């Protein structure tokens, strides 16, 4: 993840099969997350996003 204003601030978090990352509170507001780009798809990936809109 990287800070949305200061891209020099980064945190790496390796997720394995079956892992779950919950971004809540300040993490959701101040940090961006992404999956590293690859030239070729190696495996099938499923991405689920749950949102609560008030």
Protein backbone atom coordinates (compact mmCIF):
# COMPACT_ATOMS: atom_id res chain seq x y z
CA UNK A 1 0.00 0.00 0.00
CA UNK A 2 1.14 3.56 -0.47
CA UNK A 3 0.04 6.77 1.15
CA UNK A 4 -2.24 8.74 -1.16
CA UNK A 5 -0.34 12.03 -0.67
CA UNK A 6 3.23 10.88 0.03
CA UNK A 7 4.00 8.00 -2.35
CA UNK A 8 7.37 7.48 -0.61
CA UNK A 9 5.43 6.05 2.36
CA UNK A 10 4.76 2.42 1.45
CA UNK A 11 3.77 -0.74 3.30
CA UNK A 12 4.05 -4.23 1.81
CA UNK A 13 1.57 -6.88 2.85
CA UNK A 14 1.81 -10.29 1.19
CA UNK A 15 -1.53 -12.07 1.05
CA UNK A 16 -1.66 -15.81 0.54
CA UNK A 17 -4.44 -18.06 -0.74
CA UNK A 18 -7.53 -17.56 1.41
CA UNK A 19 -6.22 -14.43 3.17
CA UNK A 20 -8.40 -11.37 3.75
CA UNK A 21 -7.32 -7.74 4.05
CA UNK A 22 -9.77 -5.31 5.63
CA UNK A 23 -9.11 -1.62 5.05
CA UNK A 24 -11.15 0.35 7.56
CA UNK A 25 -11.12 3.81 9.12
CA UNK A 26 -8.01 5.88 8.36
CA UNK A 27 -6.49 3.06 6.31
CA UNK A 28 -9.31 3.37 3.80
CA UNK A 29 -9.04 7.16 3.62
CA UNK A 30 -5.26 7.65 3.46
CA UNK A 31 -3.81 4.56 1.75
CA UNK A 32 -4.09 3.16 -1.79
CA UNK A 33 -3.75 -0.53 -2.57
CA UNK A 34 -3.05 -2.38 -5.80
CA UNK A 35 -1.95 -5.71 -7.17
CA UNK A 36 1.45 -5.56 -8.90
CA UNK A 37 1.25 -5.57 -12.70
CA UNK A 38 2.37 -8.71 -14.52
CA UNK A 39 2.90 -9.34 -18.22
CA UNK A 40 0.98 -12.59 -18.14
CA UNK A 41 -1.80 -14.01 -16.00
CA UNK A 42 -0.44 -16.91 -13.98
CA UNK A 43 -3.53 -17.97 -12.05
CA UNK A 44 -7.20 -17.20 -11.81
CA UNK A 45 -7.94 -14.53 -9.21
CA UNK A 46 -11.25 -13.56 -7.65
CA UNK A 47 -11.63 -10.09 -6.16
CA UNK A 48 -14.59 -9.34 -3.90
CA UNK A 49 -15.41 -5.80 -2.81
CA UNK A 50 -17.99 -5.09 -0.13
CA UNK A 51 -19.13 -1.51 0.38
CA UNK A 52 -21.46 0.14 2.81
CA UNK A 53 -22.99 3.32 1.38
CA UNK A 54 -24.78 5.59 3.80
